[in-house]
Amino acid sequence: MLKELLRNPKTTLLLFVLFVAASSQAQYHAAIGVKGAKFGSGITAKYFFWPDNATGLEIVLGHTRIAKGGWFTTAFYENQIPFHIPIIQLPLDLIGGIGGHVNYYPHRYYKIVEGKADYYNDNCIAIGVDVLVGVEYLSPIVWLPVAVGIEAQPFMEFVNKGPEFLDASITLRYVFNRF
């Protein structure tokens, strides 16, 4: 009978929502994990200054698929605010952040000029500012200390402007020091 219940997507979703609604969201002090994005994927680390889980820093190191590929580092100053979706009572954190990035492109990095690619020299460095907007769900299961997030990251480069201006990602982090 349980198999039949779980085959129905509505029943499975309802059981998940009831499980999450019955759980309380824990806070954490630090996390490390991976970020998979349209353009820039890599390793991410997050650290909160105070145990209220409100403000902190995030650093991302990884590989970018813009142009012929390259490497990047991004740092954010973030604020994380808990909120609940009234219909399903899902405990989420709204994330907002501002920061900057430095990207390195060994070959074929370019900007768009009059609809065409205008290539920079090899070994190009691009520097810019970033904004981060996202939501994060922290697993209420004590033996599964992970946080899952969905983020949008608009950015603008001031040094060696590139062809893109928006990235979207999914994050998965292992959390430390749950409160």
N, C-alpha and C. Protein backbone atom coordinates (compact mmCIF):
# COMPACT_ATOMS: atom_id res chain seq x y z
N MET A 1 0.82 -1.19 0.00
CA MET A 1 0.00 0.00 0.00
C MET A 1 0.87 1.26 0.00
N LEU A 2 1.98 1.25 0.74
CA LEU A 2 2.87 2.40 0.79
C LEU A 2 3.44 2.71 -0.59
N LYS A 3 3.77 1.65 -1.35
CA LYS A 3 4.28 1.87 -2.71
C LYS A 3 3.26 2.60 -3.56
N GLU A 4 2.00 2.22 -3.44
CA GLU A 4 0.93 2.86 -4.23
C GLU A 4 0.79 4.33 -3.84
N LEU A 5 0.88 4.62 -2.54
CA LEU A 5 0.78 6.01 -2.08
C LEU A 5 1.93 6.86 -2.61
N LEU A 6 3.14 6.31 -2.56
CA LEU A 6 4.32 7.06 -2.99
C LEU A 6 4.40 7.22 -4.50
N ARG A 7 3.69 6.43 -5.25
CA ARG A 7 3.69 6.59 -6.72
C ARG A 7 2.89 7.82 -7.14
N ASN A 8 1.98 8.24 -6.30
CA ASN A 8 1.19 9.44 -6.59
C ASN A 8 2.02 10.66 -6.20
N PRO A 9 2.39 11.53 -7.16
CA PRO A 9 3.24 12.68 -6.85
C PRO A 9 2.61 13.63 -5.84
N LYS A 10 1.30 13.77 -5.85
CA LYS A 10 0.64 14.67 -4.90
C LYS A 10 0.79 14.15 -3.47
N THR A 11 0.65 12.86 -3.30
CA THR A 11 0.80 12.27 -1.97
C THR A 11 2.23 12.41 -1.47
N THR A 12 3.18 12.14 -2.35
CA THR A 12 4.59 12.27 -1.98
C THR A 12 4.91 13.70 -1.59
N LEU A 13 4.43 14.67 -2.35
CA LEU A 13 4.66 16.08 -2.03
C LEU A 13 4.00 16.44 -0.70
N LEU A 14 2.80 15.97 -0.46
CA LEU A 14 2.11 16.25 0.79
C LEU A 14 2.87 15.68 1.99
N LEU A 15 3.38 14.45 1.87
CA LEU A 15 4.16 13.86 2.95
C LEU A 15 5.43 14.65 3.21
N PHE A 16 6.08 15.09 2.15
CA PHE A 16 7.30 15.90 2.28
C PHE A 16 6.99 17.21 2.99
N VAL A 17 5.93 17.89 2.56
CA VAL A 17 5.55 19.17 3.16
C VAL A 17 5.20 19.00 4.64
N LEU A 18 4.47 17.96 4.98
CA LEU A 18 4.13 17.72 6.38
C LEU A 18 5.37 17.45 7.22
N PHE A 19 6.32 16.70 6.66
CA PHE A 19 7.56 16.42 7.36
C PHE A 19 8.34 17.71 7.61
N VAL A 20 8.44 18.54 6.59
CA VAL A 20 9.19 19.79 6.72
C VAL A 20 8.47 20.75 7.66
N ALA A 21 7.16 20.83 7.56
CA ALA A 21 6.41 21.75 8.42
C ALA A 21 6.51 21.36 9.88
N ALA A 22 6.64 20.07 10.16
CA ALA A 22 6.73 19.60 11.54
C ALA A 22 8.13 19.82 12.12
N SER A 23 9.09 20.11 11.28
CA SER A 23 10.46 20.29 11.72
C SER A 23 10.75 21.76 11.93
N SER A 24 11.72 22.03 12.77
CA SER A 24 12.12 23.42 12.94
C SER A 24 13.45 23.63 12.23
N GLN A 25 13.64 24.82 11.72
CA GLN A 25 14.86 25.09 10.98
C GLN A 25 15.99 25.44 11.93
N ALA A 26 17.10 24.77 11.79
CA ALA A 26 18.25 25.04 12.63
C ALA A 26 19.12 26.11 11.97
N GLN A 27 19.89 26.77 12.78
CA GLN A 27 20.84 27.77 12.30
C GLN A 27 22.20 27.08 12.19
N TYR A 28 23.13 27.69 11.47
CA TYR A 28 24.49 27.16 11.40
C TYR A 28 25.49 28.29 11.35
N HIS A 29 26.74 27.96 11.62
CA HIS A 29 27.79 28.97 11.71
C HIS A 29 28.68 29.02 10.47
N ALA A 30 28.88 27.88 9.82
CA ALA A 30 29.74 27.82 8.64
C ALA A 30 29.30 26.66 7.76
N ALA A 31 29.64 26.74 6.47
CA ALA A 31 29.29 25.68 5.54
C ALA A 31 30.30 25.66 4.40
N ILE A 32 30.47 24.47 3.81
CA ILE A 32 31.34 24.32 2.64
C ILE A 32 30.66 23.34 1.69
N GLY A 33 30.80 23.59 0.39
CA GLY A 33 30.14 22.72 -0.56
C GLY A 33 30.47 23.05 -2.00
N VAL A 34 29.54 22.72 -2.88
CA VAL A 34 29.72 22.91 -4.31
C VAL A 34 28.61 23.80 -4.87
N LYS A 35 28.95 24.47 -5.95
CA LYS A 35 28.02 25.35 -6.65
C LYS A 35 28.04 24.97 -8.12
N GLY A 36 26.88 24.61 -8.65
CA GLY A 36 26.77 24.30 -10.07
C GLY A 36 25.98 25.41 -10.74
N ALA A 37 26.56 26.04 -11.74
CA ALA A 37 25.93 27.20 -12.36
C ALA A 37 25.99 27.11 -13.88
N LYS A 38 25.25 27.99 -14.52
CA LYS A 38 25.25 28.04 -15.98
C LYS A 38 26.65 28.37 -16.50
N PHE A 39 27.32 29.33 -15.88
CA PHE A 39 28.64 29.74 -16.34
C PHE A 39 29.76 29.37 -15.38
N GLY A 40 29.61 29.66 -14.09
CA GLY A 40 30.69 29.46 -13.14
C GLY A 40 30.36 28.45 -12.06
N SER A 41 31.03 27.30 -12.06
CA SER A 41 30.81 26.26 -11.06
C SER A 41 32.08 26.05 -10.27
N GLY A 42 31.92 25.67 -8.98
CA GLY A 42 33.10 25.45 -8.18
C GLY A 42 32.80 25.12 -6.74
N ILE A 43 33.76 25.45 -5.89
CA ILE A 43 33.68 25.20 -4.45
C ILE A 43 33.25 26.49 -3.76
N THR A 44 32.34 26.34 -2.80
CA THR A 44 31.84 27.51 -2.08
C THR A 44 31.99 27.30 -0.58
N ALA A 45 32.31 28.37 0.13
CA ALA A 45 32.41 28.34 1.59
C ALA A 45 31.68 29.57 2.13
N LYS A 46 30.93 29.36 3.21
CA LYS A 46 30.15 30.43 3.81
C LYS A 46 30.45 30.47 5.30
N TYR A 47 30.62 31.67 5.84
CA TYR A 47 30.90 31.86 7.26
C TYR A 47 30.06 33.01 7.79
N PHE A 48 29.33 32.76 8.88
CA PHE A 48 28.52 33.80 9.51
C PHE A 48 29.26 34.37 10.71
N PHE A 49 29.20 35.70 10.87
CA PHE A 49 29.91 36.37 11.94
C PHE A 49 29.30 36.10 13.31
N TRP A 50 27.98 36.02 13.39
CA TRP A 50 27.28 35.84 14.65
C TRP A 50 26.36 34.62 14.57
N PRO A 51 26.00 34.06 15.70
CA PRO A 51 25.16 32.86 15.68
C PRO A 51 23.71 33.11 15.27
N ASP A 52 23.33 34.33 14.98
CA ASP A 52 21.95 34.59 14.53
C ASP A 52 21.76 34.28 13.05
N ASN A 53 22.82 33.83 12.37
CA ASN A 53 22.73 33.42 10.97
C ASN A 53 22.27 34.55 10.06
N ALA A 54 22.65 35.76 10.37
CA ALA A 54 22.17 36.88 9.58
C ALA A 54 23.20 37.42 8.60
N THR A 55 24.38 37.75 9.04
CA THR A 55 25.36 38.35 8.14
C THR A 55 26.66 37.55 8.13
N GLY A 56 27.27 37.51 6.96
CA GLY A 56 28.51 36.77 6.84
C GLY A 56 29.17 36.94 5.49
N LEU A 57 30.15 36.10 5.24
CA LEU A 57 30.92 36.13 3.99
C LEU A 57 30.78 34.80 3.26
N GLU A 58 30.80 34.88 1.94
CA GLU A 58 30.84 33.67 1.11
C GLU A 58 31.94 33.85 0.08
N ILE A 59 32.70 32.80 -0.13
CA ILE A 59 33.77 32.81 -1.14
C ILE A 59 33.53 31.63 -2.08
N VAL A 60 33.66 31.88 -3.38
CA VAL A 60 33.49 30.84 -4.38
C VAL A 60 34.74 30.81 -5.26
N LEU A 61 35.30 29.62 -5.46
CA LEU A 61 36.44 29.42 -6.35
C LEU A 61 36.03 28.38 -7.37
N GLY A 62 36.29 28.66 -8.65
CA GLY A 62 35.87 27.67 -9.62
C GLY A 62 36.28 27.94 -11.04
N HIS A 63 35.64 27.21 -11.93
CA HIS A 63 35.89 27.27 -13.37
C HIS A 63 34.69 27.93 -14.05
N THR A 64 34.97 28.80 -15.00
CA THR A 64 33.90 29.46 -15.75
C THR A 64 33.86 28.93 -17.18
N ARG A 65 32.66 28.85 -17.73
CA ARG A 65 32.48 28.40 -19.10
C ARG A 65 32.25 29.57 -20.07
N ILE A 66 32.43 30.77 -19.61
CA ILE A 66 32.30 31.93 -20.50
C ILE A 66 33.46 31.90 -21.48
N ALA A 67 33.19 32.23 -22.72
CA ALA A 67 34.19 32.21 -23.80
C ALA A 67 34.76 30.79 -23.92
N LYS A 68 36.06 30.63 -23.92
CA LYS A 68 36.69 29.31 -24.01
C LYS A 68 37.05 28.76 -22.63
N GLY A 69 36.50 29.37 -21.59
CA GLY A 69 36.74 28.89 -20.23
C GLY A 69 37.84 29.65 -19.53
N GLY A 70 37.81 29.56 -18.22
CA GLY A 70 38.80 30.23 -17.39
C GLY A 70 38.54 29.92 -15.93
N TRP A 71 39.12 30.70 -15.04
CA TRP A 71 39.02 30.49 -13.60
C TRP A 71 38.52 31.77 -12.95
N PHE A 72 37.84 31.61 -11.81
CA PHE A 72 37.31 32.79 -11.13
C PHE A 72 37.34 32.62 -9.62
N THR A 73 37.30 33.74 -8.94
CA THR A 73 37.05 33.80 -7.51
C THR A 73 36.07 34.93 -7.27
N THR A 74 35.09 34.67 -6.42
CA THR A 74 34.06 35.66 -6.09
C THR A 74 33.90 35.69 -4.58
N ALA A 75 33.74 36.89 -4.03
CA ALA A 75 33.49 37.04 -2.59
C ALA A 75 32.23 37.89 -2.41
N PHE A 76 31.40 37.49 -1.45
CA PHE A 76 30.16 38.19 -1.16
C PHE A 76 30.07 38.53 0.32
N TYR A 77 29.51 39.70 0.61
CA TYR A 77 29.03 40.03 1.94
C TYR A 77 27.53 39.76 1.89
N GLU A 78 27.02 38.87 2.74
CA GLU A 78 25.64 38.40 2.62
C GLU A 78 24.82 38.68 3.87
N ASN A 79 23.53 38.76 3.64
CA ASN A 79 22.55 38.81 4.71
C ASN A 79 21.53 37.73 4.42
N GLN A 80 21.22 36.92 5.43
CA GLN A 80 20.33 35.78 5.26
C GLN A 80 19.17 35.94 6.23
N ILE A 81 17.94 35.98 5.71
CA ILE A 81 16.76 36.23 6.51
C ILE A 81 15.78 35.07 6.37
N PRO A 82 15.37 34.44 7.49
CA PRO A 82 14.41 33.35 7.40
C PRO A 82 13.01 33.86 7.02
N PHE A 83 12.30 33.07 6.22
CA PHE A 83 10.90 33.37 5.91
C PHE A 83 10.18 32.06 5.62
N HIS A 84 8.87 32.10 5.65
CA HIS A 84 8.07 30.91 5.42
C HIS A 84 7.08 31.19 4.30
N ILE A 85 6.89 30.21 3.43
CA ILE A 85 5.87 30.29 2.40
C ILE A 85 4.57 29.83 3.05
N PRO A 86 3.57 30.71 3.18
CA PRO A 86 2.36 30.38 3.95
C PRO A 86 1.60 29.16 3.45
N ILE A 87 1.56 28.94 2.17
CA ILE A 87 0.75 27.84 1.63
C ILE A 87 1.31 26.49 2.05
N ILE A 88 2.62 26.31 1.98
CA ILE A 88 3.19 25.00 2.29
C ILE A 88 4.06 24.99 3.54
N GLN A 89 4.22 26.12 4.20
CA GLN A 89 5.00 26.21 5.44
C GLN A 89 6.41 25.67 5.28
N LEU A 90 7.05 25.97 4.19
CA LEU A 90 8.41 25.52 3.94
C LEU A 90 9.39 26.54 4.50
N PRO A 91 10.23 26.16 5.48
CA PRO A 91 11.18 27.12 6.06
C PRO A 91 12.36 27.37 5.12
N LEU A 92 12.45 28.58 4.64
CA LEU A 92 13.53 28.97 3.73
C LEU A 92 14.23 30.20 4.28
N ASP A 93 15.43 30.43 3.81
CA ASP A 93 16.14 31.67 4.08
C ASP A 93 16.27 32.44 2.78
N LEU A 94 15.94 33.71 2.82
CA LEU A 94 16.15 34.61 1.69
C LEU A 94 17.56 35.15 1.81
N ILE A 95 18.34 35.05 0.73
CA ILE A 95 19.73 35.48 0.75
C ILE A 95 19.90 36.69 -0.17
N GLY A 96 20.57 37.70 0.34
CA GLY A 96 20.92 38.86 -0.45
C GLY A 96 22.38 39.19 -0.19
N GLY A 97 23.11 39.50 -1.24
CA GLY A 97 24.52 39.79 -1.04
C GLY A 97 25.08 40.70 -2.11
N ILE A 98 26.20 41.31 -1.78
CA ILE A 98 26.92 42.15 -2.74
C ILE A 98 28.40 41.79 -2.62
N GLY A 99 29.08 41.82 -3.75
CA GLY A 99 30.48 41.43 -3.72
C GLY A 99 31.20 41.76 -5.01
N GLY A 100 32.28 41.06 -5.23
CA GLY A 100 33.08 41.29 -6.42
C GLY A 100 33.75 40.02 -6.89
N HIS A 101 34.25 40.06 -8.12
CA HIS A 101 34.90 38.89 -8.68
C HIS A 101 36.15 39.29 -9.46
N VAL A 102 37.04 38.31 -9.57
CA VAL A 102 38.22 38.42 -10.44
C VAL A 102 38.24 37.13 -11.26
N ASN A 103 38.23 37.27 -12.57
CA ASN A 103 38.23 36.12 -13.48
C ASN A 103 39.52 36.13 -14.31
N TYR A 104 40.01 34.94 -14.62
CA TYR A 104 41.18 34.79 -15.48
C TYR A 104 40.79 33.93 -16.68
N TYR A 105 41.05 34.46 -17.87
CA TYR A 105 40.75 33.75 -19.11
C TYR A 105 42.05 33.58 -19.89
N PRO A 106 42.53 32.34 -20.06
CA PRO A 106 43.79 32.14 -20.78
C PRO A 106 43.68 32.40 -22.28
N HIS A 107 42.48 32.15 -22.88
CA HIS A 107 42.35 32.30 -24.33
C HIS A 107 40.96 32.80 -24.71
N ARG A 108 40.89 33.60 -25.74
CA ARG A 108 39.67 33.93 -26.49
C ARG A 108 38.55 34.57 -25.66
N TYR A 109 38.88 35.40 -24.67
CA TYR A 109 37.85 36.14 -23.95
C TYR A 109 37.48 37.35 -24.80
N TYR A 110 36.22 37.73 -24.75
CA TYR A 110 35.76 38.77 -25.67
C TYR A 110 34.64 39.61 -25.08
N LYS A 111 34.38 40.71 -25.76
CA LYS A 111 33.22 41.55 -25.47
C LYS A 111 32.43 41.67 -26.76
N ILE A 112 31.20 42.10 -26.66
CA ILE A 112 30.36 42.27 -27.83
C ILE A 112 30.37 43.75 -28.23
N VAL A 113 30.78 44.01 -29.47
CA VAL A 113 30.80 45.37 -30.02
C VAL A 113 30.01 45.35 -31.32
N GLU A 114 28.93 46.11 -31.35
CA GLU A 114 28.04 46.18 -32.53
C GLU A 114 27.60 44.80 -32.98
N GLY A 115 27.27 43.93 -32.01
CA GLY A 115 26.76 42.60 -32.32
C GLY A 115 27.79 41.56 -32.69
N LYS A 116 29.08 41.92 -32.63
CA LYS A 116 30.13 40.97 -33.00
C LYS A 116 31.14 40.83 -31.86
N ALA A 117 31.82 39.69 -31.85
CA ALA A 117 32.82 39.42 -30.82
C ALA A 117 34.09 40.22 -31.09
N ASP A 118 34.55 40.94 -30.07
CA ASP A 118 35.81 41.67 -30.12
C ASP A 118 36.73 41.03 -29.08
N TYR A 119 37.75 40.29 -29.52
CA TYR A 119 38.58 39.46 -28.64
C TYR A 119 39.66 40.28 -27.96
N TYR A 120 39.88 39.95 -26.67
CA TYR A 120 41.00 40.50 -25.92
C TYR A 120 42.23 39.65 -26.19
N ASN A 121 43.39 40.12 -25.73
CA ASN A 121 44.61 39.32 -25.81
C ASN A 121 44.49 38.10 -24.90
N ASP A 122 45.33 37.10 -25.13
CA ASP A 122 45.36 35.95 -24.23
C ASP A 122 45.75 36.39 -22.83
N ASN A 123 45.46 35.52 -21.83
CA ASN A 123 45.75 35.80 -20.43
C ASN A 123 45.07 37.07 -19.94
N CYS A 124 43.79 37.14 -20.17
CA CYS A 124 42.98 38.32 -19.83
C CYS A 124 42.41 38.17 -18.41
N ILE A 125 42.40 39.27 -17.68
CA ILE A 125 41.80 39.31 -16.35
C ILE A 125 40.61 40.27 -16.40
N ALA A 126 39.47 39.81 -15.88
CA ALA A 126 38.26 40.63 -15.81
C ALA A 126 37.90 40.83 -14.34
N ILE A 127 37.55 42.06 -13.98
CA ILE A 127 37.20 42.40 -12.60
C ILE A 127 35.85 43.10 -12.61
N GLY A 128 34.99 42.74 -11.65
CA GLY A 128 33.68 43.36 -11.61
C GLY A 128 32.97 43.21 -10.28
N VAL A 129 31.74 43.69 -10.24
CA VAL A 129 30.90 43.62 -9.04
C VAL A 129 29.77 42.63 -9.28
N ASP A 130 29.29 42.03 -8.19
CA ASP A 130 28.25 41.02 -8.26
C ASP A 130 27.17 41.32 -7.23
N VAL A 131 25.97 40.87 -7.54
CA VAL A 131 24.84 40.89 -6.61
C VAL A 131 24.34 39.46 -6.52
N LEU A 132 23.94 39.03 -5.34
CA LEU A 132 23.45 37.67 -5.14
C LEU A 132 22.05 37.73 -4.54
N VAL A 133 21.12 37.01 -5.16
CA VAL A 133 19.76 36.87 -4.64
C VAL A 133 19.41 35.40 -4.72
N GLY A 134 18.92 34.84 -3.61
CA GLY A 134 18.61 33.42 -3.63
C GLY A 134 17.78 32.99 -2.45
N VAL A 135 17.48 31.70 -2.43
CA VAL A 135 16.80 31.07 -1.30
C VAL A 135 17.59 29.83 -0.92
N GLU A 136 17.54 29.51 0.39
CA GLU A 136 18.27 28.35 0.88
C GLU A 136 17.37 27.56 1.82
N TYR A 137 17.46 26.26 1.71
CA TYR A 137 16.73 25.34 2.58
C TYR A 137 17.74 24.55 3.38
N LEU A 138 17.61 24.58 4.71
CA LEU A 138 18.49 23.82 5.59
C LEU A 138 17.75 22.58 6.05
N SER A 139 18.32 21.42 5.81
CA SER A 139 17.70 20.16 6.19
C SER A 139 17.46 20.11 7.70
N PRO A 140 16.24 19.78 8.11
CA PRO A 140 15.96 19.69 9.54
C PRO A 140 16.43 18.37 10.16
N ILE A 141 16.91 17.45 9.36
CA ILE A 141 17.36 16.14 9.83
C ILE A 141 18.75 16.30 10.45
N VAL A 142 18.89 15.96 11.72
CA VAL A 142 20.14 16.17 12.44
C VAL A 142 21.30 15.42 11.80
N TRP A 143 21.10 14.19 11.36
CA TRP A 143 22.19 13.41 10.79
C TRP A 143 22.46 13.76 9.32
N LEU A 144 21.72 14.71 8.76
CA LEU A 144 21.93 15.16 7.38
C LEU A 144 22.12 16.68 7.38
N PRO A 145 23.29 17.16 7.84
CA PRO A 145 23.51 18.60 7.96
C PRO A 145 23.88 19.26 6.63
N VAL A 146 22.91 19.43 5.75
CA VAL A 146 23.16 20.05 4.45
C VAL A 146 22.19 21.20 4.22
N ALA A 147 22.64 22.13 3.41
CA ALA A 147 21.82 23.24 2.97
C ALA A 147 21.82 23.24 1.44
N VAL A 148 20.63 23.43 0.86
CA VAL A 148 20.47 23.45 -0.59
C VAL A 148 19.95 24.83 -0.97
N GLY A 149 20.55 25.44 -1.98
CA GLY A 149 20.15 26.78 -2.38
C GLY A 149 19.97 26.93 -3.88
N ILE A 150 19.16 27.91 -4.24
CA ILE A 150 18.98 28.33 -5.63
C ILE A 150 19.29 29.82 -5.66
N GLU A 151 20.17 30.22 -6.59
CA GLU A 151 20.65 31.60 -6.59
C GLU A 151 20.67 32.20 -8.00
N ALA A 152 20.47 33.50 -8.05
CA ALA A 152 20.68 34.28 -9.27
C ALA A 152 21.79 35.29 -8.96
N GLN A 153 22.69 35.48 -9.91
CA GLN A 153 23.85 36.33 -9.67
C GLN A 153 24.07 37.27 -10.86
N PRO A 154 23.43 38.44 -10.84
CA PRO A 154 23.77 39.43 -11.86
C PRO A 154 25.14 40.03 -11.56
N PHE A 155 25.90 40.33 -12.61
CA PHE A 155 27.23 40.90 -12.41
C PHE A 155 27.55 41.88 -13.53
N MET A 156 28.51 42.77 -13.25
CA MET A 156 28.96 43.73 -14.24
C MET A 156 30.47 43.89 -14.10
N GLU A 157 31.15 43.84 -15.20
CA GLU A 157 32.61 43.96 -15.18
C GLU A 157 33.02 45.36 -15.56
N PHE A 158 34.01 45.88 -14.80
CA PHE A 158 34.55 47.20 -15.08
C PHE A 158 35.88 47.13 -15.80
N VAL A 159 36.62 46.06 -15.56
CA VAL A 159 37.89 45.84 -16.24
C VAL A 159 37.69 44.68 -17.20
N ASN A 160 37.86 44.92 -18.49
CA ASN A 160 37.67 43.91 -19.53
C ASN A 160 36.27 43.30 -19.51
N LYS A 161 35.31 44.11 -19.88
CA LYS A 161 33.91 43.68 -19.91
C LYS A 161 33.75 42.46 -20.80
N GLY A 162 32.82 41.58 -20.38
CA GLY A 162 32.60 40.36 -21.13
C GLY A 162 31.23 40.31 -21.77
N PRO A 163 30.89 39.15 -22.35
CA PRO A 163 29.64 39.02 -23.09
C PRO A 163 28.43 38.70 -22.21
N GLU A 164 28.62 38.30 -20.96
CA GLU A 164 27.51 37.86 -20.11
C GLU A 164 27.30 38.82 -18.95
N PHE A 165 26.12 38.73 -18.30
CA PHE A 165 25.82 39.61 -17.18
C PHE A 165 24.95 38.95 -16.11
N LEU A 166 24.57 37.68 -16.29
CA LEU A 166 23.71 37.00 -15.31
C LEU A 166 24.05 35.52 -15.26
N ASP A 167 24.17 35.00 -14.04
CA ASP A 167 24.41 33.58 -13.83
C ASP A 167 23.37 33.05 -12.86
N ALA A 168 23.00 31.80 -13.00
CA ALA A 168 22.05 31.14 -12.10
C ALA A 168 22.68 29.84 -11.62
N SER A 169 22.43 29.49 -10.35
CA SER A 169 23.12 28.33 -9.80
C SER A 169 22.28 27.58 -8.77
N ILE A 170 22.75 26.38 -8.49
CA ILE A 170 22.24 25.54 -7.41
C ILE A 170 23.43 25.21 -6.52
N THR A 171 23.24 25.32 -5.20
CA THR A 171 24.33 25.03 -4.28
C THR A 171 23.95 23.88 -3.35
N LEU A 172 24.95 23.14 -2.92
CA LEU A 172 24.79 22.09 -1.94
C LEU A 172 25.97 22.22 -0.98
N ARG A 173 25.66 22.48 0.31
CA ARG A 173 26.71 22.71 1.30
C ARG A 173 26.53 21.81 2.53
N TYR A 174 27.64 21.37 3.07
CA TYR A 174 27.67 20.69 4.36
C TYR A 174 27.80 21.76 5.42
N VAL A 175 26.94 21.75 6.43
CA VAL A 175 26.94 22.80 7.44
C VAL A 175 27.64 22.35 8.71
N PHE A 176 28.33 23.30 9.36
CA PHE A 176 29.06 23.05 10.60
C PHE A 176 28.41 23.85 11.73
N ASN A 177 28.55 23.37 12.93
CA ASN A 177 28.11 24.10 14.13
C ASN A 177 26.66 24.53 14.07
N ARG A 178 25.78 23.57 13.93
CA ARG A 178 24.35 23.88 13.96
C ARG A 178 23.96 24.35 15.34
N PHE A 179 23.03 25.32 15.39
CA PHE A 179 22.53 25.84 16.68
C PHE A 179 21.14 25.34 16.94
